[in-house]
Amino acid sequence: MGVVVDTSALVAAERLAKPEGSTGVATWGRWIGRLAEEPAVLPAAVYAELMVGVLLADTPTRAAARRAKIEALTLRVPVVDFGPAIAEEWARLFATLSRRGELIPANDLAVAATARHLGFSVLVGPSDEAHFRRVPDLDVRTLTGEG
């Protein structure tokens, strides 16, 4: 099985990352390397959210650092377009969750639709992003401090 990486996992990884030589928490580079252990992808919606982080950075230095991390990530983890097949899965999920009165944010619905279309899990941050668990037949994995 592969993994679709949600923005919450990437934000958590950035916050958890410590310099080389520290104990307990993987550095950003090592964490990204672990994504290569199984097929991993970024939905286009996640890429867009990451780019918003670049554009809203409070300093040019922080913007450049964020962009560099995104570039390093996309060298190892391809971005999956929101094409017709994923759009149809998004619509099916929207209808299902709407009928149940359990809609989730639209971008997260795109993440879930991408995962279901590919038959992958979704990796979320340690706060768990519990709304993903409302999506039927979606395997949700939570990032831990070890990477």
C-alpha atoms as a PDB file:
ATOM      1  CA  MET A   1       0.000   0.000   0.000  1.00  0.00           C
ATOM      2  CA  GLY A   2       1.108   3.581  -0.496  1.00  0.00           C
ATOM      3  CA  VAL A   3       0.461   6.797   1.352  1.00  0.00           C
ATOM      4  CA  VAL A   4      -1.097  10.122   0.455  1.00  0.00           C
ATOM      5  CA  VAL A   5       0.514  12.816   2.582  1.00  0.00           C
ATOM      6  CA  ASP A   6      -1.802  15.419   4.095  1.00  0.00           C
ATOM      7  CA  THR A   7      -0.660  18.953   4.862  1.00  0.00           C
ATOM      8  CA  SER A   8      -1.148  18.318   8.585  1.00  0.00           C
ATOM      9  CA  ALA A   9       1.573  15.629   8.490  1.00  0.00           C
ATOM     10  CA  LEU A  10       4.001  17.934   6.699  1.00  0.00           C
ATOM     11  CA  VAL A  11       3.372  20.832   9.083  1.00  0.00           C
ATOM     12  CA  ALA A  12       3.844  18.478  12.026  1.00  0.00           C
ATOM     13  CA  ALA A  13       7.049  17.076  10.519  1.00  0.00           C
ATOM     14  CA  GLU A  14       8.425  20.588  10.127  1.00  0.00           C
ATOM     15  CA  ARG A  15       7.549  21.461  13.714  1.00  0.00           C
ATOM     16  CA  LEU A  16       8.945  18.192  15.075  1.00  0.00           C
ATOM     17  CA  ALA A  17      12.177  18.375  13.094  1.00  0.00           C
ATOM     18  CA  LYS A  18      15.303  19.045  15.106  1.00  0.00           C
ATOM     19  CA  PRO A  19      18.874  19.574  13.933  1.00  0.00           C
ATOM     20  CA  GLU A  20      21.061  16.579  13.084  1.00  0.00           C
ATOM     21  CA  GLY A  21      22.467  14.956  16.189  1.00  0.00           C
ATOM     22  CA  SER A  22      19.400  15.520  18.359  1.00  0.00           C
ATOM     23  CA  THR A  23      17.592  12.509  19.735  1.00  0.00           C
ATOM     24  CA  GLY A  24      14.020  11.309  19.518  1.00  0.00           C
ATOM     25  CA  VAL A  25      12.720  13.223  16.526  1.00  0.00           C
ATOM     26  CA  ALA A  26      13.724  12.791  12.905  1.00  0.00           C
ATOM     27  CA  THR A  27      15.118  15.730  11.011  1.00  0.00           C
ATOM     28  CA  TRP A  28      13.102  16.981   8.045  1.00  0.00           C
ATOM     29  CA  GLY A  29      15.511  15.368   5.581  1.00  0.00           C
ATOM     30  CA  ARG A  30      15.423  11.975   7.253  1.00  0.00           C
ATOM     31  CA  TRP A  31      11.644  12.155   7.568  1.00  0.00           C
ATOM     32  CA  ILE A  32      11.285  12.892   3.852  1.00  0.00           C
ATOM     33  CA  GLY A  33      13.635   9.988   3.162  1.00  0.00           C
ATOM     34  CA  ARG A  34      11.296   7.665   5.021  1.00  0.00           C
ATOM     35  CA  LEU A  35       8.539   8.522   2.575  1.00  0.00           C
ATOM     36  CA  ALA A  36      10.590   6.721  -0.070  1.00  0.00           C
ATOM     37  CA  GLU A  37      10.127   3.429   1.823  1.00  0.00           C
ATOM     38  CA  GLU A  38       6.707   3.004   0.204  1.00  0.00           C
ATOM     39  CA  PRO A  39       4.871   4.707  -2.633  1.00  0.00           C
ATOM     40  CA  ALA A  40       3.944   8.218  -1.497  1.00  0.00           C
ATOM     41  CA  VAL A  41       2.197  11.089  -3.257  1.00  0.00           C
ATOM     42  CA  LEU A  42       1.060  14.647  -2.629  1.00  0.00           C
ATOM     43  CA  PRO A  43      -2.393  15.598  -3.842  1.00  0.00           C
ATOM     44  CA  ALA A  44      -2.481  18.840  -5.809  1.00  0.00           C
ATOM     45  CA  ALA A  45      -4.575  20.381  -2.992  1.00  0.00           C
ATOM     46  CA  VAL A  46      -1.765  19.699  -0.499  1.00  0.00           C
ATOM     47  CA  TYR A  47       0.802  21.213  -2.839  1.00  0.00           C
ATOM     48  CA  ALA A  48      -1.412  24.314  -3.097  1.00  0.00           C
ATOM     49  CA  GLU A  49      -1.695  24.558   0.700  1.00  0.00           C
ATOM     50  CA  LEU A  50       2.083  24.289   1.016  1.00  0.00           C
ATOM     51  CA  MET A  51       2.531  27.085  -1.520  1.00  0.00           C
ATOM     52  CA  VAL A  52       0.153  29.267   0.501  1.00  0.00           C
ATOM     53  CA  GLY A  53       2.577  28.794   3.388  1.00  0.00           C
ATOM     54  CA  VAL A  54       5.375  30.125   1.189  1.00  0.00           C
ATOM     55  CA  LEU A  55       3.351  33.117   0.042  1.00  0.00           C
ATOM     56  CA  LEU A  56       2.186  33.988   3.574  1.00  0.00           C
ATOM     57  CA  ALA A  57       5.587  33.595   5.240  1.00  0.00           C
ATOM     58  CA  ASP A  58       6.430  36.525   7.485  1.00  0.00           C
ATOM     59  CA  THR A  59       9.971  36.937   6.109  1.00  0.00           C
ATOM     60  CA  PRO A  60      11.677  36.306   2.779  1.00  0.00           C
ATOM     61  CA  THR A  61      14.075  33.955   4.561  1.00  0.00           C
ATOM     62  CA  ARG A  62      11.239  31.837   5.928  1.00  0.00           C
ATOM     63  CA  ALA A  63       9.553  31.843   2.497  1.00  0.00           C
ATOM     64  CA  ALA A  64      12.765  30.637   0.850  1.00  0.00           C
ATOM     65  CA  ALA A  65      13.241  27.922   3.477  1.00  0.00           C
ATOM     66  CA  ARG A  66       9.677  26.692   2.995  1.00  0.00           C
ATOM     67  CA  ARG A  67      10.055  26.674  -0.787  1.00  0.00           C
ATOM     68  CA  ALA A  68      13.307  24.710  -0.489  1.00  0.00           C
ATOM     69  CA  LYS A  69      11.580  22.110   1.689  1.00  0.00           C
ATOM     70  CA  ILE A  70       8.737  21.797  -0.811  1.00  0.00           C
ATOM     71  CA  GLU A  71      11.215  21.371  -3.664  1.00  0.00           C
ATOM     72  CA  ALA A  72      13.101  18.675  -1.720  1.00  0.00           C
ATOM     73  CA  LEU A  73       9.823  16.931  -0.971  1.00  0.00           C
ATOM     74  CA  THR A  74       8.575  16.956  -4.567  1.00  0.00           C
ATOM     75  CA  LEU A  75      11.849  15.446  -5.779  1.00  0.00           C
ATOM     76  CA  ARG A  76      10.892  12.295  -3.871  1.00  0.00           C
ATOM     77  CA  VAL A  77       7.118  12.515  -3.672  1.00  0.00           C
ATOM     78  CA  PRO A  78       5.200  13.250  -6.881  1.00  0.00           C
ATOM     79  CA  VAL A  79       2.254  15.626  -7.008  1.00  0.00           C
ATOM     80  CA  VAL A  80      -0.953  13.946  -8.187  1.00  0.00           C
ATOM     81  CA  ASP A  81      -3.224  16.137 -10.300  1.00  0.00           C
ATOM     82  CA  PHE A  82      -6.898  16.542  -9.463  1.00  0.00           C
ATOM     83  CA  GLY A  83      -8.036  14.957 -12.700  1.00  0.00           C
ATOM     84  CA  PRO A  84     -11.404  13.548 -13.800  1.00  0.00           C
ATOM     85  CA  ALA A  85     -11.100  10.186 -11.982  1.00  0.00           C
ATOM     86  CA  ILE A  86     -10.230  11.817  -8.651  1.00  0.00           C
ATOM     87  CA  ALA A  87     -12.889  14.484  -9.223  1.00  0.00           C
ATOM     88  CA  GLU A  88     -15.496  11.738  -9.647  1.00  0.00           C
ATOM     89  CA  GLU A  89     -14.319  10.074  -6.419  1.00  0.00           C
ATOM     90  CA  TRP A  90     -14.497  13.489  -4.713  1.00  0.00           C
ATOM     91  CA  ALA A  91     -18.103  13.860  -5.914  1.00  0.00           C
ATOM     92  CA  ARG A  92     -19.027  10.364  -4.645  1.00  0.00           C
ATOM     93  CA  LEU A  93     -17.503  11.123  -1.248  1.00  0.00           C
ATOM     94  CA  PHE A  94     -19.150  14.544  -1.099  1.00  0.00           C
ATOM     95  CA  ALA A  95     -22.555  12.983  -1.807  1.00  0.00           C
ATOM     96  CA  THR A  96     -22.037  10.209   0.763  1.00  0.00           C
ATOM     97  CA  LEU A  97     -20.819  12.518   3.511  1.00  0.00           C
ATOM     98  CA  SER A  98     -23.430  15.163   2.669  1.00  0.00           C
ATOM     99  CA  ARG A  99     -26.252  12.629   3.014  1.00  0.00           C
ATOM    100  CA  ARG A 100     -24.849  11.660   6.413  1.00  0.00           C
ATOM    101  CA  GLY A 101     -24.442  15.293   7.477  1.00  0.00           C
ATOM    102  CA  GLU A 102     -20.689  14.721   7.951  1.00  0.00           C
ATOM    103  CA  LEU A 103     -18.978  16.884   5.337  1.00  0.00           C
ATOM    104  CA  ILE A 104     -15.285  17.566   5.765  1.00  0.00           C
ATOM    105  CA  PRO A 105     -13.243  20.510   4.404  1.00  0.00           C
ATOM    106  CA  ALA A 106     -13.087  20.507   0.593  1.00  0.00           C
ATOM    107  CA  ASN A 107      -9.290  20.227   0.383  1.00  0.00           C
ATOM    108  CA  ASP A 108      -9.307  17.304   2.810  1.00  0.00           C
ATOM    109  CA  LEU A 109     -12.029  15.719   0.714  1.00  0.00           C
ATOM    110  CA  ALA A 110      -9.655  16.011  -2.265  1.00  0.00           C
ATOM    111  CA  VAL A 111      -6.923  14.323  -0.197  1.00  0.00           C
ATOM    112  CA  ALA A 112      -9.315  11.508   0.752  1.00  0.00           C
ATOM    113  CA  ALA A 113     -10.527  11.133  -2.837  1.00  0.00           C
ATOM    114  CA  THR A 114      -6.932  10.877  -4.048  1.00  0.00           C
ATOM    115  CA  ALA A 115      -6.167   8.197  -1.468  1.00  0.00           C
ATOM    116  CA  ARG A 116      -9.272   6.179  -2.254  1.00  0.00           C
ATOM    117  CA  HIS A 117      -8.694   6.439  -5.995  1.00  0.00           C
ATOM    118  CA  LEU A 118      -5.132   5.130  -5.590  1.00  0.00           C
ATOM    119  CA  GLY A 119      -5.953   2.590  -2.872  1.00  0.00           C
ATOM    120  CA  PHE A 120      -3.520   4.369  -0.520  1.00  0.00           C
ATOM    121  CA  SER A 121      -3.646   5.393   3.149  1.00  0.00           C
ATOM    122  CA  VAL A 122      -3.690   9.014   4.274  1.00  0.00           C
ATOM    123  CA  LEU A 123      -0.907  10.208   6.575  1.00  0.00           C
ATOM    124  CA  VAL A 124      -2.074  12.968   8.927  1.00  0.00           C
ATOM    125  CA  GLY A 125      -0.423  14.944  11.703  1.00  0.00           C
ATOM    126  CA  PRO A 126      -0.369  13.841  15.346  1.00  0.00           C
ATOM    127  CA  SER A 127      -3.515  15.846  16.123  1.00  0.00           C
ATOM    128  CA  ASP A 128      -5.125  13.091  13.992  1.00  0.00           C
ATOM    129  CA  GLU A 129      -7.369  15.242  11.804  1.00  0.00           C
ATOM    130  CA  ALA A 130     -10.281  13.089  13.020  1.00  0.00           C
ATOM    131  CA  HIS A 131     -12.634  14.230  10.250  1.00  0.00           C
ATOM    132  CA  PHE A 132     -10.726  11.988   7.811  1.00  0.00           C
ATOM    133  CA  ARG A 133     -12.073   9.038   9.804  1.00  0.00           C
ATOM    134  CA  ARG A 134     -15.604   9.929   8.629  1.00  0.00           C
ATOM    135  CA  VAL A 135     -14.638   8.902   5.095  1.00  0.00           C
ATOM    136  CA  PRO A 136     -15.732   5.325   4.408  1.00  0.00           C
ATOM    137  CA  ASP A 137     -13.058   2.796   3.503  1.00  0.00           C
ATOM    138  CA  LEU A 138     -10.191   5.218   4.115  1.00  0.00           C
ATOM    139  CA  ASP A 139      -7.141   4.028   6.042  1.00  0.00           C
ATOM    140  CA  VAL A 140      -5.851   6.917   8.153  1.00  0.00           C
ATOM    141  CA  ARG A 141      -2.346   6.816   9.606  1.00  0.00           C
ATOM    142  CA  THR A 142      -1.004   9.305  12.134  1.00  0.00           C
ATOM    143  CA  LEU A 143       2.511  10.755  12.058  1.00  0.00           C
ATOM    144  CA  THR A 144       4.512  10.003  15.176  1.00  0.00           C
ATOM    145  CA  GLY A 145       7.497  11.854  16.618  1.00  0.00           C
ATOM    146  CA  GLU A 146       9.794   9.159  15.265  1.00  0.00           C
ATOM    147  CA  GLY A 147       8.919  10.045  11.692  1.00  0.00           C
END
